[in-house]
Amino acid sequence: MSRSITITNPAELHNPVTFGYSHVVDAPSPDLVVIAGQYGSNPTGAVDSSDFAAQVERSFANLGTALAAAGLGFQDVARLGTYIVDHDHTKLEALLAVINRIWGNQPPAQTLLGVAALALPDMLFEVDAIAVRP
């Protein structure tokens, strides 16, 4: 996978890859694309499922659609913001499964926030992104 960014995880810091993120993403280009929060919605905006893992899958599919609209792909993502309602280890594992499938051992920088609620009552997960145009 060719990237417009360089991922670095300094040996002096803990290995964050097992937690689904990287410490440093160097974006040499100032051409950034910001993707708003994507959630497990269908084209009408309704949440498709009450299942957390299904919402994560759909959220990342929607993120992929948003990236493609800008002529980009997952390989161009430099940073993720992830938001989990009532965060716990089981939900983290569901998120990590998707991140590992998409990015393998070079995930983007990420901040995960456990939150009490999101914009809509049925939302359990949301992801936003910053990508770099090659």
C-alpha atoms as a PDB file:
ATOM      1  CA  MET A   1       0.000   0.000   0.000  1.00  0.00           C
ATOM      2  CA  SER A   2       1.577   3.297  -1.112  1.00  0.00           C
ATOM      3  CA  ARG A   3       1.078   6.147   1.339  1.00  0.00           C
ATOM      4  CA  SER A   4       1.408   9.902   1.199  1.00  0.00           C
ATOM      5  CA  ILE A   5       2.293   9.838   4.884  1.00  0.00           C
ATOM      6  CA  THR A   6       5.039   8.273   7.013  1.00  0.00           C
ATOM      7  CA  ILE A   7       4.121   6.299  10.131  1.00  0.00           C
ATOM      8  CA  THR A   8       6.645   6.224  12.997  1.00  0.00           C
ATOM      9  CA  ASN A   9       6.459   4.505  16.349  1.00  0.00           C
ATOM     10  CA  PRO A  10       9.614   5.493  18.271  1.00  0.00           C
ATOM     11  CA  ALA A  11      11.270   2.608  20.102  1.00  0.00           C
ATOM     12  CA  GLU A  12      11.432   4.801  23.223  1.00  0.00           C
ATOM     13  CA  LEU A  13       7.611   4.796  23.433  1.00  0.00           C
ATOM     14  CA  HIS A  14       5.295   1.825  23.951  1.00  0.00           C
ATOM     15  CA  ASN A  15       4.134  -0.093  20.878  1.00  0.00           C
ATOM     16  CA  PRO A  16       0.697   1.399  20.160  1.00  0.00           C
ATOM     17  CA  VAL A  17      -0.146  -0.820  17.175  1.00  0.00           C
ATOM     18  CA  THR A  18      -1.747  -3.453  19.408  1.00  0.00           C
ATOM     19  CA  PHE A  19      -4.101  -0.693  20.584  1.00  0.00           C
ATOM     20  CA  GLY A  20      -4.980   0.287  17.005  1.00  0.00           C
ATOM     21  CA  TYR A  21      -3.024   3.519  16.511  1.00  0.00           C
ATOM     22  CA  SER A  22       0.423   4.935  15.779  1.00  0.00           C
ATOM     23  CA  HIS A  23       2.273   7.666  17.679  1.00  0.00           C
ATOM     24  CA  VAL A  24       3.480   9.849  14.817  1.00  0.00           C
ATOM     25  CA  VAL A  25       2.116  10.526  11.346  1.00  0.00           C
ATOM     26  CA  ASP A  26       4.274  12.820   9.215  1.00  0.00           C
ATOM     27  CA  ALA A  27       2.312  14.499   6.436  1.00  0.00           C
ATOM     28  CA  PRO A  28       4.774  16.284   4.151  1.00  0.00           C
ATOM     29  CA  SER A  29       2.024  17.953   2.157  1.00  0.00           C
ATOM     30  CA  PRO A  30      -0.136  20.742   3.542  1.00  0.00           C
ATOM     31  CA  ASP A  31      -3.036  19.447   1.429  1.00  0.00           C
ATOM     32  CA  LEU A  32      -5.277  18.057   4.165  1.00  0.00           C
ATOM     33  CA  VAL A  33      -8.777  16.661   3.776  1.00  0.00           C
ATOM     34  CA  VAL A  34     -10.980  16.628   6.870  1.00  0.00           C
ATOM     35  CA  ILE A  35     -13.773  14.043   7.036  1.00  0.00           C
ATOM     36  CA  ALA A  36     -16.640  14.717   9.431  1.00  0.00           C
ATOM     37  CA  GLY A  37     -17.830  12.097  11.886  1.00  0.00           C
ATOM     38  CA  GLN A  38     -19.260   9.037  10.161  1.00  0.00           C
ATOM     39  CA  TYR A  39     -21.612   6.695  11.960  1.00  0.00           C
ATOM     40  CA  GLY A  40     -23.508   3.486  11.235  1.00  0.00           C
ATOM     41  CA  SER A  41     -26.051   5.183   9.008  1.00  0.00           C
ATOM     42  CA  ASN A  42     -27.781   4.235   5.807  1.00  0.00           C
ATOM     43  CA  PRO A  43     -28.231   6.783   2.965  1.00  0.00           C
ATOM     44  CA  THR A  44     -31.236   8.331   4.745  1.00  0.00           C
ATOM     45  CA  GLY A  45     -29.192   9.016   7.895  1.00  0.00           C
ATOM     46  CA  ALA A  46     -30.945   6.373   9.983  1.00  0.00           C
ATOM     47  CA  VAL A  47     -28.824   4.054  12.140  1.00  0.00           C
ATOM     48  CA  ASP A  48     -28.906   0.618  10.510  1.00  0.00           C
ATOM     49  CA  SER A  49     -28.328  -1.615  13.514  1.00  0.00           C
ATOM     50  CA  SER A  50     -28.321  -1.580  17.302  1.00  0.00           C
ATOM     51  CA  ASP A  51     -25.303  -3.933  17.247  1.00  0.00           C
ATOM     52  CA  PHE A  52     -22.061  -2.131  18.143  1.00  0.00           C
ATOM     53  CA  ALA A  53     -19.787  -4.167  15.830  1.00  0.00           C
ATOM     54  CA  ALA A  54     -22.202  -3.647  12.914  1.00  0.00           C
ATOM     55  CA  GLN A  55     -22.174   0.111  13.569  1.00  0.00           C
ATOM     56  CA  VAL A  56     -18.371   0.135  13.540  1.00  0.00           C
ATOM     57  CA  GLU A  57     -18.310  -1.748  10.217  1.00  0.00           C
ATOM     58  CA  ARG A  58     -20.863   0.591   8.641  1.00  0.00           C
ATOM     59  CA  SER A  59     -19.118   3.689  10.025  1.00  0.00           C
ATOM     60  CA  PHE A  60     -15.827   2.695   8.393  1.00  0.00           C
ATOM     61  CA  ALA A  61     -17.628   1.818   5.154  1.00  0.00           C
ATOM     62  CA  ASN A  62     -19.127   5.320   5.232  1.00  0.00           C
ATOM     63  CA  LEU A  63     -15.679   6.765   5.948  1.00  0.00           C
ATOM     64  CA  GLY A  64     -14.375   4.926   2.886  1.00  0.00           C
ATOM     65  CA  THR A  65     -17.174   6.427   0.797  1.00  0.00           C
ATOM     66  CA  ALA A  66     -16.361   9.932   2.073  1.00  0.00           C
ATOM     67  CA  LEU A  67     -12.659   9.453   1.332  1.00  0.00           C
ATOM     68  CA  ALA A  68     -13.418   8.186  -2.171  1.00  0.00           C
ATOM     69  CA  ALA A  69     -15.537  11.284  -2.822  1.00  0.00           C
ATOM     70  CA  ALA A  70     -12.348  13.309  -2.263  1.00  0.00           C
ATOM     71  CA  GLY A  71     -10.330  10.970  -4.501  1.00  0.00           C
ATOM     72  CA  LEU A  72      -8.622   9.360  -1.504  1.00  0.00           C
ATOM     73  CA  GLY A  73      -8.514   5.998   0.234  1.00  0.00           C
ATOM     74  CA  PHE A  74      -7.836   4.587   3.680  1.00  0.00           C
ATOM     75  CA  GLN A  75      -4.085   4.654   2.900  1.00  0.00           C
ATOM     76  CA  ASP A  76      -4.249   8.466   2.928  1.00  0.00           C
ATOM     77  CA  VAL A  77      -5.668   8.745   6.461  1.00  0.00           C
ATOM     78  CA  ALA A  78      -3.238  10.377   8.886  1.00  0.00           C
ATOM     79  CA  ARG A  79      -5.491  10.625  11.962  1.00  0.00           C
ATOM     80  CA  LEU A  80      -8.675   9.106  13.294  1.00  0.00           C
ATOM     81  CA  GLY A  81     -10.931  10.320  16.056  1.00  0.00           C
ATOM     82  CA  THR A  82     -13.100   7.520  17.405  1.00  0.00           C
ATOM     83  CA  TYR A  83     -15.974   7.889  19.841  1.00  0.00           C
ATOM     84  CA  ILE A  84     -17.517   4.956  21.708  1.00  0.00           C
ATOM     85  CA  VAL A  85     -20.649   5.182  23.830  1.00  0.00           C
ATOM     86  CA  ASP A  86     -20.122   3.332  27.143  1.00  0.00           C
ATOM     87  CA  HIS A  87     -16.621   2.231  26.116  1.00  0.00           C
ATOM     88  CA  ASP A  88     -15.430  -1.173  27.336  1.00  0.00           C
ATOM     89  CA  HIS A  89     -12.877  -3.826  26.307  1.00  0.00           C
ATOM     90  CA  THR A  90     -15.350  -5.788  24.155  1.00  0.00           C
ATOM     91  CA  LYS A  91     -16.137  -2.668  22.121  1.00  0.00           C
ATOM     92  CA  LEU A  92     -12.429  -1.901  21.805  1.00  0.00           C
ATOM     93  CA  GLU A  93     -11.855  -5.387  20.373  1.00  0.00           C
ATOM     94  CA  ALA A  94     -14.580  -4.818  17.748  1.00  0.00           C
ATOM     95  CA  LEU A  95     -12.949  -1.526  16.740  1.00  0.00           C
ATOM     96  CA  LEU A  96      -9.472  -3.067  16.622  1.00  0.00           C
ATOM     97  CA  ALA A  97     -10.683  -5.849  14.326  1.00  0.00           C
ATOM     98  CA  VAL A  98     -11.747  -3.272  11.726  1.00  0.00           C
ATOM     99  CA  ILE A  99      -8.632  -1.119  12.134  1.00  0.00           C
ATOM    100  CA  ASN A 100      -6.369  -4.156  11.821  1.00  0.00           C
ATOM    101  CA  ARG A 101      -8.189  -5.335   8.696  1.00  0.00           C
ATOM    102  CA  ILE A 102      -7.903  -1.925   7.019  1.00  0.00           C
ATOM    103  CA  TRP A 103      -4.422  -0.769   8.102  1.00  0.00           C
ATOM    104  CA  GLY A 104      -2.631  -3.874   9.399  1.00  0.00           C
ATOM    105  CA  ASN A 105       0.507  -3.007  11.339  1.00  0.00           C
ATOM    106  CA  GLN A 106       0.518   0.674  10.254  1.00  0.00           C
ATOM    107  CA  PRO A 107      -2.646   2.259  11.619  1.00  0.00           C
ATOM    108  CA  PRO A 108      -2.969   6.039  11.586  1.00  0.00           C
ATOM    109  CA  ALA A 109      -2.658   8.177  14.676  1.00  0.00           C
ATOM    110  CA  GLN A 110      -5.840   7.872  16.694  1.00  0.00           C
ATOM    111  CA  THR A 111      -7.538   9.281  19.742  1.00  0.00           C
ATOM    112  CA  LEU A 112     -10.363   7.172  21.183  1.00  0.00           C
ATOM    113  CA  LEU A 113     -12.854   8.834  23.473  1.00  0.00           C
ATOM    114  CA  GLY A 114     -15.395   7.053  25.612  1.00  0.00           C
ATOM    115  CA  VAL A 115     -18.522   9.190  25.644  1.00  0.00           C
ATOM    116  CA  ALA A 116     -21.901   9.176  27.372  1.00  0.00           C
ATOM    117  CA  ALA A 117     -23.836   9.807  24.148  1.00  0.00           C
ATOM    118  CA  LEU A 118     -23.493  10.892  20.526  1.00  0.00           C
ATOM    119  CA  ALA A 119     -25.665  13.104  18.303  1.00  0.00           C
ATOM    120  CA  LEU A 120     -28.498  10.598  17.799  1.00  0.00           C
ATOM    121  CA  PRO A 121     -29.920   8.282  20.470  1.00  0.00           C
ATOM    122  CA  ASP A 122     -29.187   5.087  18.476  1.00  0.00           C
ATOM    123  CA  MET A 123     -25.555   5.968  17.700  1.00  0.00           C
ATOM    124  CA  LEU A 124     -23.011   3.824  19.549  1.00  0.00           C
ATOM    125  CA  PHE A 125     -19.916   4.700  17.508  1.00  0.00           C
ATOM    126  CA  GLU A 126     -18.562   7.526  15.361  1.00  0.00           C
ATOM    127  CA  VAL A 127     -15.289   8.059  13.492  1.00  0.00           C
ATOM    128  CA  ASP A 128     -13.804  11.190  11.931  1.00  0.00           C
ATOM    129  CA  ALA A 129     -10.578  11.487   9.961  1.00  0.00           C
ATOM    130  CA  ILE A 130      -7.881  13.745   8.630  1.00  0.00           C
ATOM    131  CA  ALA A 131      -6.356  12.577   5.358  1.00  0.00           C
ATOM    132  CA  VAL A 132      -3.471  13.892   3.283  1.00  0.00           C
ATOM    133  CA  ARG A 133      -3.785  14.331  -0.463  1.00  0.00           C
ATOM    134  CA  PRO A 134      -0.722  12.752  -2.157  1.00  0.00           C
END
